[in-house]
């Protein structure tokens, strides 16, 4: 039991330090002063057009040219299931 605690205690200290670093990090993304007004008829609609993502300091994009529309009150799980099954093959 003591050996287990002696292994877990340093790990917990490192984890606590990292959690504290994350909580104290200032966000790089800020709200703009004049936000865009949205069309109320499209309430609940989420659309991505040609979205790409790259991790900081990465040489290439992890995701590129993603297009996706999630409509309100529609089941979008087929997309997720399809993408998940593609990754398994």
N, C-alpha and C. Protein backbone atom coordinates (compact mmCIF):
# COMPACT_ATOMS: atom_id res chain seq x y z
N UNK A 1 0.81 -1.19 0.00
CA UNK A 1 0.00 0.00 0.00
C UNK A 1 0.86 1.26 0.00
N UNK A 2 1.91 1.28 0.82
CA UNK A 2 2.79 2.44 0.88
C UNK A 2 3.53 2.62 -0.42
N UNK A 3 3.92 1.51 -1.05
CA UNK A 3 4.62 1.63 -2.35
C UNK A 3 3.70 2.22 -3.41
N UNK A 4 2.43 1.87 -3.34
CA UNK A 4 1.46 2.42 -4.30
C UNK A 4 1.31 3.93 -4.10
N UNK A 5 1.24 4.36 -2.87
CA UNK A 5 1.13 5.80 -2.56
C UNK A 5 2.39 6.53 -3.00
N UNK A 6 3.55 5.92 -2.79
CA UNK A 6 4.80 6.58 -3.17
C UNK A 6 4.93 6.73 -4.68
N UNK A 7 4.25 5.90 -5.44
CA UNK A 7 4.23 6.03 -6.90
C UNK A 7 3.20 7.07 -7.33
N UNK A 8 2.04 7.05 -6.71
CA UNK A 8 0.94 7.92 -7.13
C UNK A 8 1.12 9.38 -6.69
N UNK A 9 1.75 9.61 -5.56
CA UNK A 9 1.88 10.96 -5.04
C UNK A 9 2.67 11.89 -5.96
N UNK A 10 3.83 11.50 -6.49
CA UNK A 10 4.53 12.39 -7.43
C UNK A 10 3.73 12.64 -8.71
N UNK A 11 3.05 11.61 -9.17
CA UNK A 11 2.22 11.78 -10.38
C UNK A 11 1.10 12.78 -10.13
N UNK A 12 0.49 12.69 -8.96
CA UNK A 12 -0.59 13.63 -8.61
C UNK A 12 -0.06 15.06 -8.54
N UNK A 13 1.16 15.22 -8.01
CA UNK A 13 1.77 16.55 -7.94
C UNK A 13 2.02 17.14 -9.31
N UNK A 14 2.53 16.31 -10.23
CA UNK A 14 2.77 16.77 -11.61
C UNK A 14 1.45 17.12 -12.28
N UNK A 15 0.44 16.27 -12.07
CA UNK A 15 -0.88 16.53 -12.67
C UNK A 15 -1.48 17.83 -12.13
N UNK A 16 -1.37 18.04 -10.85
CA UNK A 16 -1.91 19.27 -10.25
C UNK A 16 -1.20 20.50 -10.80
N UNK A 17 0.11 20.39 -10.99
CA UNK A 17 0.88 21.52 -11.54
C UNK A 17 0.41 21.84 -12.96
N UNK A 18 0.20 20.80 -13.78
CA UNK A 18 -0.24 21.01 -15.16
C UNK A 18 -1.65 21.59 -15.20
N UNK A 19 -2.53 21.09 -14.36
CA UNK A 19 -3.89 21.62 -14.30
C UNK A 19 -3.86 23.10 -13.94
N UNK A 20 -3.02 23.45 -12.99
CA UNK A 20 -2.89 24.85 -12.59
C UNK A 20 -2.36 25.71 -13.74
N UNK A 21 -1.40 25.19 -14.51
CA UNK A 21 -0.89 25.93 -15.67
C UNK A 21 -2.00 26.20 -16.67
N UNK A 22 -2.83 25.20 -16.93
CA UNK A 22 -3.94 25.36 -17.88
C UNK A 22 -4.94 26.39 -17.37
N UNK A 23 -5.28 26.32 -16.10
CA UNK A 23 -6.26 27.26 -15.54
C UNK A 23 -5.75 28.70 -15.52
N UNK A 24 -4.44 28.89 -15.40
CA UNK A 24 -3.88 30.24 -15.36
C UNK A 24 -3.52 30.79 -16.74
N UNK A 25 -3.64 30.00 -17.78
CA UNK A 25 -3.31 30.44 -19.13
C UNK A 25 -4.33 31.47 -19.62
N UNK A 26 -3.83 32.59 -20.13
CA UNK A 26 -4.70 33.60 -20.72
C UNK A 26 -5.16 33.13 -22.10
N UNK A 27 -6.46 33.17 -22.38
CA UNK A 27 -6.94 32.73 -23.69
C UNK A 27 -6.44 33.65 -24.81
N UNK A 28 -6.10 33.05 -25.94
CA UNK A 28 -5.65 33.82 -27.10
C UNK A 28 -6.83 34.31 -27.92
N UNK A 29 -7.97 33.65 -27.79
CA UNK A 29 -9.16 34.03 -28.55
C UNK A 29 -9.99 34.98 -27.70
N UNK A 30 -10.31 36.11 -28.25
CA UNK A 30 -11.07 37.14 -27.54
C UNK A 30 -12.35 37.46 -28.31
N UNK A 31 -13.37 37.88 -27.60
CA UNK A 31 -14.59 38.35 -28.25
C UNK A 31 -14.30 39.68 -28.92
N UNK A 32 -14.89 39.89 -30.09
CA UNK A 32 -14.70 41.16 -30.79
C UNK A 32 -15.65 42.21 -30.21
N UNK A 33 -15.32 43.48 -30.43
CA UNK A 33 -16.12 44.58 -29.89
C UNK A 33 -17.49 44.69 -30.57
N UNK A 34 -17.55 44.42 -31.86
CA UNK A 34 -18.81 44.52 -32.60
C UNK A 34 -19.13 43.16 -33.22
N UNK A 35 -19.85 42.31 -32.48
CA UNK A 35 -20.16 40.98 -33.00
C UNK A 35 -21.12 41.03 -34.19
N UNK A 36 -21.01 40.04 -35.05
CA UNK A 36 -21.87 39.94 -36.22
C UNK A 36 -23.28 39.54 -35.79
N UNK A 37 -24.28 40.15 -36.41
CA UNK A 37 -25.67 39.80 -36.14
C UNK A 37 -26.04 38.59 -36.99
N UNK A 38 -26.71 37.63 -36.37
CA UNK A 38 -27.07 36.41 -37.07
C UNK A 38 -28.51 36.45 -37.57
N UNK A 39 -28.74 35.72 -38.64
CA UNK A 39 -30.07 35.58 -39.22
C UNK A 39 -30.90 34.68 -38.30
N UNK A 40 -31.97 35.20 -37.71
CA UNK A 40 -32.81 34.44 -36.77
C UNK A 40 -33.46 33.23 -37.42
N UNK A 41 -33.67 33.25 -38.74
CA UNK A 41 -34.30 32.11 -39.41
C UNK A 41 -33.36 30.90 -39.45
N UNK A 42 -32.09 31.11 -39.19
CA UNK A 42 -31.12 30.02 -39.20
C UNK A 42 -30.70 29.62 -37.78
N UNK A 43 -31.54 29.93 -36.82
CA UNK A 43 -31.22 29.64 -35.42
C UNK A 43 -31.00 28.14 -35.23
N UNK A 44 -29.89 27.79 -34.62
CA UNK A 44 -29.56 26.39 -34.37
C UNK A 44 -28.76 25.72 -35.47
N UNK A 45 -28.59 26.39 -36.60
CA UNK A 45 -27.84 25.83 -37.72
C UNK A 45 -26.35 26.09 -37.51
N UNK A 46 -25.55 25.05 -37.67
CA UNK A 46 -24.10 25.19 -37.57
C UNK A 46 -23.50 24.74 -38.90
N UNK A 47 -22.71 25.61 -39.51
CA UNK A 47 -22.12 25.28 -40.81
C UNK A 47 -20.63 25.59 -40.82
N UNK A 48 -19.86 24.63 -41.30
CA UNK A 48 -18.43 24.81 -41.49
C UNK A 48 -18.17 24.81 -42.99
N UNK A 49 -17.44 25.82 -43.47
CA UNK A 49 -17.08 25.90 -44.89
C UNK A 49 -15.58 26.00 -45.03
N UNK A 50 -15.00 25.03 -45.68
CA UNK A 50 -13.55 25.01 -45.96
C UNK A 50 -12.72 25.26 -44.70
N UNK A 51 -13.08 24.58 -43.62
CA UNK A 51 -12.39 24.75 -42.35
C UNK A 51 -11.15 23.86 -42.32
N UNK A 52 -10.06 24.43 -41.86
CA UNK A 52 -8.81 23.67 -41.71
C UNK A 52 -8.30 23.89 -40.30
N UNK A 53 -7.53 22.93 -39.81
CA UNK A 53 -6.98 23.02 -38.46
C UNK A 53 -5.54 22.55 -38.46
N UNK A 54 -4.70 23.28 -37.79
CA UNK A 54 -3.28 22.92 -37.64
C UNK A 54 -2.88 23.16 -36.20
N UNK A 55 -2.21 22.17 -35.59
CA UNK A 55 -1.70 22.35 -34.24
C UNK A 55 -0.58 23.39 -34.27
N UNK A 56 -0.41 24.13 -33.18
CA UNK A 56 0.70 25.10 -33.14
C UNK A 56 2.03 24.40 -33.42
N UNK A 57 2.87 25.03 -34.21
CA UNK A 57 4.19 24.52 -34.58
C UNK A 57 4.16 23.26 -35.43
N UNK A 58 3.00 22.88 -35.97
CA UNK A 58 2.93 21.71 -36.85
C UNK A 58 3.33 22.10 -38.26
N UNK A 59 3.87 21.14 -38.99
CA UNK A 59 4.28 21.39 -40.38
C UNK A 59 3.11 21.30 -41.35
N UNK A 60 2.11 20.50 -41.01
CA UNK A 60 0.98 20.34 -41.92
C UNK A 60 -0.33 20.38 -41.14
N UNK A 61 -1.42 20.50 -41.89
CA UNK A 61 -2.74 20.58 -41.27
C UNK A 61 -3.22 19.20 -40.86
N UNK A 62 -3.87 19.14 -39.70
CA UNK A 62 -4.46 17.89 -39.24
C UNK A 62 -5.78 17.63 -39.94
N UNK A 63 -6.54 18.70 -40.17
CA UNK A 63 -7.79 18.65 -40.93
C UNK A 63 -7.72 19.74 -41.98
N UNK A 64 -8.25 19.45 -43.16
CA UNK A 64 -8.24 20.50 -44.18
C UNK A 64 -9.50 20.44 -45.02
N UNK A 65 -9.99 21.62 -45.38
CA UNK A 65 -11.16 21.79 -46.25
C UNK A 65 -12.37 20.99 -45.80
N UNK A 66 -12.72 21.09 -44.51
CA UNK A 66 -13.88 20.38 -43.97
C UNK A 66 -15.12 21.21 -44.23
N UNK A 67 -16.16 20.58 -44.77
CA UNK A 67 -17.46 21.20 -44.99
C UNK A 67 -18.50 20.35 -44.29
N UNK A 68 -19.33 20.98 -43.47
CA UNK A 68 -20.32 20.23 -42.72
C UNK A 68 -21.43 21.16 -42.29
N UNK A 69 -22.67 20.67 -42.38
CA UNK A 69 -23.83 21.43 -41.90
C UNK A 69 -24.57 20.57 -40.90
N UNK A 70 -24.80 21.12 -39.71
CA UNK A 70 -25.63 20.47 -38.69
C UNK A 70 -26.90 21.30 -38.57
N UNK A 71 -28.02 20.71 -38.96
CA UNK A 71 -29.28 21.43 -38.94
C UNK A 71 -29.99 21.22 -37.61
N UNK A 72 -30.73 22.22 -37.16
CA UNK A 72 -31.44 22.09 -35.88
C UNK A 72 -32.49 20.98 -35.94
N UNK A 73 -32.63 20.28 -34.82
CA UNK A 73 -33.62 19.22 -34.67
C UNK A 73 -33.44 18.10 -35.68
N UNK A 74 -32.24 17.92 -36.20
CA UNK A 74 -31.94 16.82 -37.12
C UNK A 74 -30.91 15.92 -36.46
N UNK A 75 -30.98 14.64 -36.74
CA UNK A 75 -30.03 13.69 -36.18
C UNK A 75 -28.79 13.66 -37.08
N UNK A 76 -27.66 14.14 -36.55
CA UNK A 76 -26.42 14.16 -37.31
C UNK A 76 -25.52 12.98 -36.96
N UNK A 77 -26.06 11.98 -36.24
CA UNK A 77 -25.23 10.87 -35.79
C UNK A 77 -24.76 10.00 -36.94
N UNK A 78 -25.48 9.98 -38.06
CA UNK A 78 -25.03 9.17 -39.20
C UNK A 78 -23.66 9.62 -39.68
N UNK A 79 -23.45 10.93 -39.67
CA UNK A 79 -22.14 11.45 -40.08
C UNK A 79 -21.06 10.95 -39.14
N UNK A 80 -21.33 11.03 -37.84
CA UNK A 80 -20.33 10.59 -36.86
C UNK A 80 -20.08 9.10 -36.99
N UNK A 81 -21.12 8.31 -37.16
CA UNK A 81 -20.96 6.86 -37.30
C UNK A 81 -20.15 6.54 -38.55
N UNK A 82 -20.45 7.23 -39.62
CA UNK A 82 -19.74 6.99 -40.88
C UNK A 82 -18.26 7.33 -40.74
N UNK A 83 -17.96 8.48 -40.15
CA UNK A 83 -16.57 8.89 -39.98
C UNK A 83 -15.84 7.93 -39.04
N UNK A 84 -16.52 7.45 -38.00
CA UNK A 84 -15.89 6.53 -37.06
C UNK A 84 -15.60 5.20 -37.75
N UNK A 85 -16.55 4.71 -38.54
CA UNK A 85 -16.33 3.41 -39.20
C UNK A 85 -15.23 3.51 -40.25
N UNK A 86 -15.08 4.69 -40.88
CA UNK A 86 -13.98 4.88 -41.83
C UNK A 86 -12.64 4.73 -41.15
N UNK A 87 -12.53 5.27 -39.92
CA UNK A 87 -11.26 5.22 -39.20
C UNK A 87 -10.92 3.82 -38.74
N UNK A 88 -11.91 2.96 -38.59
CA UNK A 88 -11.65 1.59 -38.16
C UNK A 88 -11.12 0.71 -39.29
N UNK A 89 -11.38 1.10 -40.50
CA UNK A 89 -10.97 0.24 -41.63
C UNK A 89 -9.53 0.47 -42.02
